[in-house]
Amino acid sequence: MNTHDTPDERFARLAAGVGLDPQAEIRIGGHYVPLLRHADQVWISGQVPRIGDRVVVCGRVGETVTLNQARHAARVAVLRALALIQRELGSLSRVAVVLRLTVFVQSASDFTQHSEVADGASDLLHEVLGESGRHTRTSVGVHQLPKDATVEIDLVAAVMPAFA
């Protein structure tokens, strides 16, 4: 991580590296919102590794998906979450700290490396936000996820107030 770059510059570079346009529409499919801001917190609804209209990593880890592919899926999903936060706050520099990250991993019955999959998201949060990207975390293996996505993440972050 280049410590002279801003979180927004690091985010833009990493998003471009996977082909994610942070300004592209992030669609939802129901009666909920992708981001809810309450007081000094933002809550992000579950994000899958979708770029444009395509979920880029599908299937079960340990069957049709490798650990490295699943880690990539976690990175893409958390980039989508950061895109939502950046839109809401105007800058990722306003993230005081990521409070909580939950990583759901669609996995084979004998797959046990859920934490290693989640490391993809955790590492990216640290790359972009530095110490503000440190968080508590839970990683859980599940049988299915929406759109056959390999990973779904949600997170909660504390926000610094805007200065006038």
N, C-alpha and C. Protein backbone atom coordinates (compact mmCIF):
# COMPACT_ATOMS: atom_id res chain seq x y z
N MET A 1 0.84 -1.18 0.00
CA MET A 1 0.00 0.00 0.00
C MET A 1 0.88 1.24 0.00
N ASN A 2 0.62 2.15 -0.91
CA ASN A 2 1.32 3.42 -0.96
C ASN A 2 0.64 4.35 0.04
N THR A 3 1.33 4.68 1.11
CA THR A 3 0.74 5.49 2.18
C THR A 3 0.49 6.94 1.76
N HIS A 4 1.03 7.35 0.62
CA HIS A 4 0.81 8.71 0.16
C HIS A 4 -0.48 8.83 -0.64
N ASP A 5 -1.00 7.70 -1.12
CA ASP A 5 -2.28 7.71 -1.82
C ASP A 5 -3.41 7.88 -0.82
N THR A 6 -4.51 8.44 -1.29
CA THR A 6 -5.71 8.52 -0.46
C THR A 6 -6.46 7.19 -0.55
N PRO A 7 -7.35 6.93 0.39
CA PRO A 7 -8.18 5.73 0.27
C PRO A 7 -8.96 5.70 -1.05
N ASP A 8 -9.43 6.86 -1.51
CA ASP A 8 -10.18 6.91 -2.76
C ASP A 8 -9.30 6.54 -3.96
N GLU A 9 -8.04 6.98 -3.95
CA GLU A 9 -7.12 6.63 -5.04
C GLU A 9 -6.80 5.13 -5.02
N ARG A 10 -6.57 4.58 -3.84
CA ARG A 10 -6.31 3.13 -3.74
C ARG A 10 -7.52 2.34 -4.19
N PHE A 11 -8.71 2.77 -3.76
CA PHE A 11 -9.94 2.11 -4.16
C PHE A 11 -10.11 2.15 -5.68
N ALA A 12 -9.92 3.30 -6.28
CA ALA A 12 -10.09 3.44 -7.74
C ALA A 12 -9.14 2.51 -8.48
N ARG A 13 -7.92 2.41 -8.03
CA ARG A 13 -6.93 1.54 -8.68
C ARG A 13 -7.34 0.07 -8.57
N LEU A 14 -7.76 -0.35 -7.39
CA LEU A 14 -8.15 -1.75 -7.18
C LEU A 14 -9.44 -2.09 -7.93
N ALA A 15 -10.39 -1.17 -7.94
CA ALA A 15 -11.64 -1.40 -8.68
C ALA A 15 -11.36 -1.53 -10.17
N ALA A 16 -10.53 -0.64 -10.71
CA ALA A 16 -10.18 -0.71 -12.13
C ALA A 16 -9.47 -2.03 -12.45
N GLY A 17 -8.68 -2.51 -11.52
CA GLY A 17 -7.94 -3.75 -11.73
C GLY A 17 -8.83 -4.97 -11.92
N VAL A 18 -10.05 -4.93 -11.39
CA VAL A 18 -10.97 -6.06 -11.59
C VAL A 18 -12.08 -5.73 -12.59
N GLY A 19 -12.03 -4.51 -13.15
CA GLY A 19 -13.03 -4.12 -14.14
C GLY A 19 -14.32 -3.58 -13.54
N LEU A 20 -14.29 -3.18 -12.27
CA LEU A 20 -15.47 -2.64 -11.60
C LEU A 20 -15.52 -1.13 -11.78
N ASP A 21 -16.63 -0.64 -12.31
CA ASP A 21 -16.84 0.80 -12.44
C ASP A 21 -17.57 1.28 -11.18
N PRO A 22 -16.89 2.00 -10.30
CA PRO A 22 -17.53 2.43 -9.05
C PRO A 22 -18.76 3.31 -9.24
N GLN A 23 -18.89 3.92 -10.44
CA GLN A 23 -20.03 4.79 -10.70
C GLN A 23 -21.21 4.05 -11.32
N ALA A 24 -21.01 2.80 -11.72
CA ALA A 24 -22.09 2.03 -12.35
C ALA A 24 -23.20 1.76 -11.35
N GLU A 25 -24.40 1.62 -11.86
CA GLU A 25 -25.54 1.34 -11.00
C GLU A 25 -25.35 0.01 -10.27
N ILE A 26 -25.66 0.01 -8.99
CA ILE A 26 -25.66 -1.22 -8.20
C ILE A 26 -27.12 -1.52 -7.91
N ARG A 27 -27.65 -2.49 -8.65
CA ARG A 27 -29.08 -2.80 -8.56
C ARG A 27 -29.38 -3.71 -7.38
N ILE A 28 -30.59 -3.55 -6.89
CA ILE A 28 -31.09 -4.44 -5.85
C ILE A 28 -32.35 -5.09 -6.37
N GLY A 29 -32.75 -6.16 -5.75
CA GLY A 29 -33.91 -6.90 -6.24
C GLY A 29 -34.94 -7.13 -5.15
N GLY A 30 -35.43 -6.09 -4.56
CA GLY A 30 -36.43 -6.27 -3.52
C GLY A 30 -36.74 -4.97 -2.80
N HIS A 31 -37.48 -5.10 -1.73
CA HIS A 31 -37.91 -3.94 -0.95
C HIS A 31 -36.93 -3.69 0.20
N TYR A 32 -35.73 -3.34 -0.17
CA TYR A 32 -34.69 -3.00 0.80
C TYR A 32 -33.75 -2.02 0.12
N VAL A 33 -32.81 -1.48 0.85
CA VAL A 33 -31.84 -0.55 0.30
C VAL A 33 -30.44 -1.17 0.40
N PRO A 34 -29.55 -0.84 -0.53
CA PRO A 34 -28.21 -1.41 -0.47
C PRO A 34 -27.35 -0.82 0.65
N LEU A 35 -27.69 0.40 1.09
CA LEU A 35 -26.95 1.07 2.16
C LEU A 35 -27.95 1.82 3.01
N LEU A 36 -27.79 1.71 4.32
CA LEU A 36 -28.61 2.48 5.24
C LEU A 36 -27.67 3.22 6.17
N ARG A 37 -27.86 4.52 6.22
CA ARG A 37 -27.05 5.35 7.11
C ARG A 37 -27.89 5.74 8.31
N HIS A 38 -27.35 5.51 9.49
CA HIS A 38 -28.04 5.88 10.72
C HIS A 38 -27.00 6.47 11.66
N ALA A 39 -27.23 7.72 12.04
CA ALA A 39 -26.30 8.44 12.92
C ALA A 39 -24.89 8.36 12.33
N ASP A 40 -23.94 7.79 13.06
CA ASP A 40 -22.55 7.74 12.59
C ASP A 40 -22.17 6.37 12.03
N GLN A 41 -23.15 5.62 11.54
CA GLN A 41 -22.87 4.30 10.97
C GLN A 41 -23.50 4.14 9.60
N VAL A 42 -22.86 3.33 8.76
CA VAL A 42 -23.44 2.88 7.51
C VAL A 42 -23.50 1.36 7.55
N TRP A 43 -24.63 0.83 7.13
CA TRP A 43 -24.89 -0.60 7.08
C TRP A 43 -25.05 -0.98 5.62
N ILE A 44 -24.27 -1.93 5.16
CA ILE A 44 -24.29 -2.35 3.77
C ILE A 44 -24.99 -3.69 3.66
N SER A 45 -26.01 -3.76 2.80
CA SER A 45 -26.69 -5.02 2.51
C SER A 45 -25.73 -5.97 1.80
N GLY A 46 -26.07 -7.23 1.79
CA GLY A 46 -25.23 -8.25 1.18
C GLY A 46 -24.83 -7.93 -0.25
N GLN A 47 -23.55 -8.05 -0.53
CA GLN A 47 -22.99 -7.80 -1.86
C GLN A 47 -22.34 -9.08 -2.37
N VAL A 48 -22.68 -9.44 -3.60
CA VAL A 48 -22.06 -10.59 -4.26
C VAL A 48 -21.02 -10.07 -5.24
N PRO A 49 -20.17 -10.95 -5.77
CA PRO A 49 -19.11 -10.49 -6.68
C PRO A 49 -19.65 -10.22 -8.09
N ARG A 50 -20.43 -9.18 -8.21
CA ARG A 50 -21.04 -8.81 -9.49
C ARG A 50 -20.28 -7.63 -10.09
N ILE A 51 -19.96 -7.76 -11.36
CA ILE A 51 -19.39 -6.66 -12.13
C ILE A 51 -20.34 -6.43 -13.29
N GLY A 52 -20.93 -5.25 -13.34
CA GLY A 52 -21.97 -5.00 -14.33
C GLY A 52 -23.17 -5.89 -14.04
N ASP A 53 -23.61 -6.63 -15.04
CA ASP A 53 -24.75 -7.53 -14.88
C ASP A 53 -24.35 -8.97 -14.60
N ARG A 54 -23.07 -9.21 -14.40
CA ARG A 54 -22.58 -10.59 -14.31
C ARG A 54 -21.96 -10.88 -12.95
N VAL A 55 -22.38 -11.97 -12.32
CA VAL A 55 -21.71 -12.46 -11.12
C VAL A 55 -20.47 -13.19 -11.62
N VAL A 56 -19.30 -12.71 -11.23
CA VAL A 56 -18.05 -13.17 -11.85
C VAL A 56 -17.48 -14.45 -11.27
N VAL A 57 -17.92 -14.85 -10.08
CA VAL A 57 -17.48 -16.12 -9.51
C VAL A 57 -18.71 -16.82 -8.94
N CYS A 58 -19.05 -17.97 -9.53
CA CYS A 58 -20.24 -18.73 -9.14
C CYS A 58 -19.84 -20.16 -8.78
N GLY A 59 -20.62 -20.76 -7.92
CA GLY A 59 -20.42 -22.15 -7.57
C GLY A 59 -19.83 -22.32 -6.18
N ARG A 60 -19.64 -23.58 -5.83
CA ARG A 60 -19.15 -23.94 -4.49
C ARG A 60 -17.63 -24.04 -4.44
N VAL A 61 -17.07 -23.44 -3.40
CA VAL A 61 -15.64 -23.57 -3.16
C VAL A 61 -15.39 -25.01 -2.72
N GLY A 62 -14.38 -25.60 -3.30
CA GLY A 62 -14.07 -26.99 -2.99
C GLY A 62 -14.69 -27.96 -3.98
N GLU A 63 -15.55 -27.47 -4.85
CA GLU A 63 -16.11 -28.30 -5.92
C GLU A 63 -15.70 -27.72 -7.25
N THR A 64 -16.34 -26.62 -7.66
CA THR A 64 -16.06 -26.02 -8.97
C THR A 64 -15.26 -24.73 -8.86
N VAL A 65 -15.04 -24.25 -7.64
CA VAL A 65 -14.34 -22.98 -7.42
C VAL A 65 -13.14 -23.23 -6.51
N THR A 66 -11.99 -22.66 -6.88
CA THR A 66 -10.78 -22.79 -6.07
C THR A 66 -10.77 -21.76 -4.95
N LEU A 67 -9.89 -21.98 -4.00
CA LEU A 67 -9.72 -21.02 -2.91
C LEU A 67 -9.34 -19.64 -3.46
N ASN A 68 -8.42 -19.59 -4.41
CA ASN A 68 -8.00 -18.29 -4.97
C ASN A 68 -9.15 -17.60 -5.69
N GLN A 69 -9.98 -18.35 -6.41
CA GLN A 69 -11.14 -17.75 -7.07
C GLN A 69 -12.12 -17.20 -6.03
N ALA A 70 -12.31 -17.93 -4.95
CA ALA A 70 -13.21 -17.47 -3.89
C ALA A 70 -12.68 -16.22 -3.21
N ARG A 71 -11.37 -16.15 -3.00
CA ARG A 71 -10.76 -14.95 -2.42
C ARG A 71 -10.98 -13.75 -3.35
N HIS A 72 -10.85 -13.98 -4.65
CA HIS A 72 -11.12 -12.93 -5.64
C HIS A 72 -12.58 -12.48 -5.53
N ALA A 73 -13.49 -13.44 -5.40
CA ALA A 73 -14.91 -13.10 -5.25
C ALA A 73 -15.14 -12.22 -4.02
N ALA A 74 -14.49 -12.53 -2.92
CA ALA A 74 -14.62 -11.73 -1.70
C ALA A 74 -14.10 -10.31 -1.93
N ARG A 75 -13.01 -10.18 -2.68
CA ARG A 75 -12.46 -8.85 -2.97
C ARG A 75 -13.43 -8.03 -3.81
N VAL A 76 -14.02 -8.65 -4.84
CA VAL A 76 -14.96 -7.94 -5.70
C VAL A 76 -16.19 -7.52 -4.90
N ALA A 77 -16.70 -8.42 -4.07
CA ALA A 77 -17.88 -8.10 -3.27
C ALA A 77 -17.61 -6.93 -2.32
N VAL A 78 -16.45 -6.91 -1.69
CA VAL A 78 -16.16 -5.81 -0.76
C VAL A 78 -15.86 -4.51 -1.51
N LEU A 79 -15.36 -4.59 -2.73
CA LEU A 79 -15.20 -3.39 -3.55
C LEU A 79 -16.56 -2.76 -3.84
N ARG A 80 -17.57 -3.61 -4.10
CA ARG A 80 -18.93 -3.09 -4.31
C ARG A 80 -19.43 -2.38 -3.05
N ALA A 81 -19.16 -2.95 -1.90
CA ALA A 81 -19.57 -2.32 -0.64
C ALA A 81 -18.89 -0.96 -0.48
N LEU A 82 -17.60 -0.91 -0.79
CA LEU A 82 -16.87 0.36 -0.70
C LEU A 82 -17.40 1.38 -1.69
N ALA A 83 -17.82 0.94 -2.88
CA ALA A 83 -18.40 1.85 -3.86
C ALA A 83 -19.66 2.50 -3.29
N LEU A 84 -20.48 1.71 -2.62
CA LEU A 84 -21.69 2.25 -2.00
C LEU A 84 -21.35 3.27 -0.91
N ILE A 85 -20.37 2.95 -0.10
CA ILE A 85 -19.96 3.85 0.98
C ILE A 85 -19.40 5.14 0.40
N GLN A 86 -18.57 5.04 -0.62
CA GLN A 86 -17.98 6.23 -1.24
C GLN A 86 -19.07 7.14 -1.81
N ARG A 87 -20.07 6.56 -2.44
CA ARG A 87 -21.18 7.36 -2.98
C ARG A 87 -21.92 8.09 -1.87
N GLU A 88 -22.14 7.40 -0.77
CA GLU A 88 -22.89 7.99 0.34
C GLU A 88 -22.11 9.10 1.03
N LEU A 89 -20.82 8.87 1.25
CA LEU A 89 -20.02 9.80 2.05
C LEU A 89 -19.26 10.82 1.22
N GLY A 90 -19.09 10.56 -0.07
CA GLY A 90 -18.31 11.45 -0.91
C GLY A 90 -16.84 11.08 -0.95
N SER A 91 -16.35 10.43 0.09
CA SER A 91 -14.95 10.00 0.15
C SER A 91 -14.81 8.87 1.17
N LEU A 92 -13.98 7.90 0.83
CA LEU A 92 -13.69 6.82 1.77
C LEU A 92 -12.83 7.30 2.94
N SER A 93 -12.27 8.48 2.83
CA SER A 93 -11.51 9.06 3.95
C SER A 93 -12.40 9.33 5.15
N ARG A 94 -13.70 9.33 4.94
CA ARG A 94 -14.64 9.58 6.05
C ARG A 94 -14.99 8.31 6.82
N VAL A 95 -14.46 7.16 6.39
CA VAL A 95 -14.68 5.93 7.16
C VAL A 95 -13.77 5.97 8.37
N ALA A 96 -14.36 6.02 9.56
CA ALA A 96 -13.57 6.02 10.78
C ALA A 96 -13.01 4.64 11.05
N VAL A 97 -13.87 3.62 10.92
CA VAL A 97 -13.46 2.24 11.13
C VAL A 97 -14.55 1.32 10.59
N VAL A 98 -14.13 0.19 10.04
CA VAL A 98 -15.08 -0.85 9.67
C VAL A 98 -15.33 -1.64 10.95
N LEU A 99 -16.57 -1.64 11.38
CA LEU A 99 -16.90 -2.28 12.65
C LEU A 99 -17.09 -3.79 12.51
N ARG A 100 -17.70 -4.21 11.41
CA ARG A 100 -18.08 -5.61 11.28
C ARG A 100 -18.10 -6.03 9.82
N LEU A 101 -17.56 -7.19 9.54
CA LEU A 101 -17.60 -7.80 8.21
C LEU A 101 -18.12 -9.22 8.38
N THR A 102 -19.13 -9.58 7.59
CA THR A 102 -19.63 -10.95 7.57
C THR A 102 -19.44 -11.49 6.16
N VAL A 103 -18.85 -12.67 6.07
CA VAL A 103 -18.56 -13.28 4.77
C VAL A 103 -19.25 -14.65 4.73
N PHE A 104 -20.17 -14.78 3.79
CA PHE A 104 -20.86 -16.05 3.56
C PHE A 104 -20.19 -16.72 2.36
N VAL A 105 -19.85 -17.99 2.52
CA VAL A 105 -19.11 -18.72 1.49
C VAL A 105 -19.93 -19.93 1.07
N GLN A 106 -20.33 -19.97 -0.20
CA GLN A 106 -21.01 -21.16 -0.72
C GLN A 106 -19.94 -22.23 -0.89
N SER A 107 -20.03 -23.30 -0.11
CA SER A 107 -18.91 -24.24 -0.09
C SER A 107 -19.36 -25.70 -0.08
N ALA A 108 -18.45 -26.54 -0.52
CA ALA A 108 -18.65 -27.98 -0.48
C ALA A 108 -18.72 -28.41 0.98
N SER A 109 -19.34 -29.55 1.22
CA SER A 109 -19.56 -30.01 2.60
C SER A 109 -18.25 -30.26 3.35
N ASP A 110 -17.18 -30.56 2.63
CA ASP A 110 -15.90 -30.83 3.31
C ASP A 110 -14.93 -29.65 3.28
N PHE A 111 -15.38 -28.51 2.77
CA PHE A 111 -14.52 -27.32 2.70
C PHE A 111 -14.48 -26.65 4.06
N THR A 112 -13.29 -26.31 4.54
CA THR A 112 -13.16 -25.72 5.88
C THR A 112 -12.33 -24.44 5.90
N GLN A 113 -11.99 -23.88 4.75
CA GLN A 113 -11.12 -22.70 4.71
C GLN A 113 -11.92 -21.41 4.52
N HIS A 114 -13.03 -21.29 5.22
CA HIS A 114 -13.86 -20.09 5.10
C HIS A 114 -13.11 -18.84 5.51
N SER A 115 -12.30 -18.94 6.54
CA SER A 115 -11.52 -17.78 7.00
C SER A 115 -10.54 -17.32 5.93
N GLU A 116 -9.95 -18.26 5.21
CA GLU A 116 -9.00 -17.90 4.16
C GLU A 116 -9.71 -17.21 3.00
N VAL A 117 -10.95 -17.60 2.71
CA VAL A 117 -11.74 -16.89 1.70
C VAL A 117 -11.99 -15.46 2.19
N ALA A 118 -12.43 -15.33 3.43
CA ALA A 118 -12.74 -14.01 4.00
C ALA A 118 -11.52 -13.10 4.04
N ASP A 119 -10.33 -13.71 4.13
CA ASP A 119 -9.11 -12.90 4.12
C ASP A 119 -9.01 -12.04 2.86
N GLY A 120 -9.59 -12.50 1.75
CA GLY A 120 -9.58 -11.69 0.52
C GLY A 120 -10.24 -10.35 0.75
N ALA A 121 -11.39 -10.36 1.43
CA ALA A 121 -12.10 -9.11 1.72
C ALA A 121 -11.37 -8.30 2.79
N SER A 122 -10.91 -8.97 3.84
CA SER A 122 -10.22 -8.27 4.92
C SER A 122 -8.94 -7.60 4.43
N ASP A 123 -8.18 -8.32 3.62
CA ASP A 123 -6.94 -7.76 3.08
C ASP A 123 -7.22 -6.52 2.24
N LEU A 124 -8.29 -6.59 1.42
CA LEU A 124 -8.62 -5.44 0.58
C LEU A 124 -9.04 -4.25 1.42
N LEU A 125 -9.83 -4.48 2.46
CA LEU A 125 -10.21 -3.36 3.33
C LEU A 125 -8.99 -2.68 3.93
N HIS A 126 -8.01 -3.48 4.32
CA HIS A 126 -6.78 -2.89 4.87
C HIS A 126 -5.99 -2.17 3.78
N GLU A 127 -5.94 -2.73 2.57
CA GLU A 127 -5.23 -2.07 1.45
C GLU A 127 -5.81 -0.69 1.18
N VAL A 128 -7.13 -0.58 1.20
CA VAL A 128 -7.79 0.68 0.86
C VAL A 128 -7.83 1.64 2.04
N LEU A 129 -8.21 1.15 3.21
CA LEU A 129 -8.48 2.03 4.35
C LEU A 129 -7.39 2.07 5.40
N GLY A 130 -6.35 1.25 5.26
CA GLY A 130 -5.32 1.21 6.28
C GLY A 130 -5.89 0.73 7.60
N GLU A 131 -5.49 1.34 8.70
CA GLU A 131 -5.96 0.92 10.02
C GLU A 131 -7.46 1.08 10.20
N SER A 132 -8.08 1.99 9.44
CA SER A 132 -9.54 2.14 9.51
C SER A 132 -10.26 0.92 8.94
N GLY A 133 -9.53 0.10 8.20
CA GLY A 133 -10.11 -1.11 7.62
C GLY A 133 -10.09 -2.31 8.55
N ARG A 134 -9.49 -2.17 9.73
CA ARG A 134 -9.51 -3.27 10.71
C ARG A 134 -10.93 -3.47 11.20
N HIS A 135 -11.32 -4.71 11.47
CA HIS A 135 -12.71 -4.99 11.77
C HIS A 135 -12.86 -6.30 12.52
N THR A 136 -14.04 -6.49 13.10
CA THR A 136 -14.41 -7.80 13.59
C THR A 136 -14.99 -8.55 12.39
N ARG A 137 -14.99 -9.89 12.48
CA ARG A 137 -15.39 -10.64 11.29
C ARG A 137 -15.96 -11.99 11.67
N THR A 138 -16.92 -12.42 10.87
CA THR A 138 -17.41 -13.79 10.92
C THR A 138 -17.43 -14.32 9.50
N SER A 139 -16.96 -15.54 9.31
CA SER A 139 -17.06 -16.20 8.01
C SER A 139 -17.83 -17.50 8.22
N VAL A 140 -18.80 -17.74 7.33
CA VAL A 140 -19.72 -18.85 7.49
C VAL A 140 -19.84 -19.60 6.17
N GLY A 141 -19.81 -20.91 6.22
CA GLY A 141 -20.07 -21.73 5.05
C GLY A 141 -21.56 -21.97 4.91
N VAL A 142 -22.08 -21.81 3.69
CA VAL A 142 -23.50 -22.01 3.42
C VAL A 142 -23.68 -22.91 2.21
N HIS A 143 -24.88 -23.46 2.07
CA HIS A 143 -25.16 -24.37 0.96
C HIS A 143 -25.42 -23.62 -0.35
N GLN A 144 -26.13 -22.48 -0.29
CA GLN A 144 -26.46 -21.71 -1.48
C GLN A 144 -26.42 -20.22 -1.18
N LEU A 145 -26.18 -19.45 -2.25
CA LEU A 145 -26.25 -17.99 -2.17
C LEU A 145 -27.02 -17.47 -3.38
N PRO A 146 -27.55 -16.24 -3.32
CA PRO A 146 -28.28 -15.69 -4.46
C PRO A 146 -27.44 -15.70 -5.74
N LYS A 147 -28.10 -16.01 -6.84
CA LYS A 147 -27.47 -16.01 -8.18
C LYS A 147 -26.32 -17.01 -8.29
N ASP A 148 -26.27 -17.99 -7.38
CA ASP A 148 -25.20 -18.99 -7.34
C ASP A 148 -23.84 -18.36 -7.04
N ALA A 149 -23.85 -17.15 -6.46
CA ALA A 149 -22.59 -16.47 -6.12
C ALA A 149 -21.79 -17.33 -5.15
N THR A 150 -20.49 -17.29 -5.29
CA THR A 150 -19.60 -18.03 -4.39
C THR A 150 -19.51 -17.36 -3.02
N VAL A 151 -19.60 -16.04 -3.00
CA VAL A 151 -19.43 -15.27 -1.76
C VAL A 151 -20.49 -14.18 -1.70
N GLU A 152 -20.94 -13.88 -0.50
CA GLU A 152 -21.74 -12.69 -0.23
C GLU A 152 -21.20 -12.06 1.05
N ILE A 153 -21.02 -10.76 1.02
CA ILE A 153 -20.52 -10.06 2.21
C ILE A 153 -21.49 -8.96 2.61
N ASP A 154 -21.50 -8.64 3.89
CA ASP A 154 -22.12 -7.41 4.36
C ASP A 154 -21.18 -6.79 5.37
N LEU A 155 -21.36 -5.50 5.60
CA LEU A 155 -20.49 -4.84 6.58
C LEU A 155 -21.16 -3.64 7.19
N VAL A 156 -20.60 -3.24 8.32
CA VAL A 156 -21.03 -2.05 9.06
C VAL A 156 -19.79 -1.21 9.30
N ALA A 157 -19.91 0.10 9.05
CA ALA A 157 -18.77 0.99 9.28
C ALA A 157 -19.20 2.22 10.07
N ALA A 158 -18.30 2.73 10.87
CA ALA A 158 -18.51 4.00 11.57
C ALA A 158 -17.98 5.12 10.69
N VAL A 159 -18.65 6.25 10.73
CA VAL A 159 -18.37 7.36 9.84
C VAL A 159 -17.94 8.59 10.62
N MET A 160 -16.92 9.27 10.09
CA MET A 160 -16.52 10.56 10.68
C MET A 160 -17.47 11.64 10.18
N PRO A 161 -17.76 12.61 11.01
CA PRO A 161 -18.67 13.67 10.56
C PRO A 161 -18.06 14.50 9.44
N ALA A 162 -18.93 15.04 8.60
CA ALA A 162 -18.48 15.95 7.54
C ALA A 162 -18.15 17.29 8.18
N PHE A 163 -17.15 17.94 7.64
CA PHE A 163 -16.76 19.25 8.14
C PHE A 163 -17.29 20.31 7.20
N ALA A 164 -17.84 21.35 7.76
CA ALA A 164 -18.42 22.43 6.94
C ALA A 164 -17.34 23.36 6.45
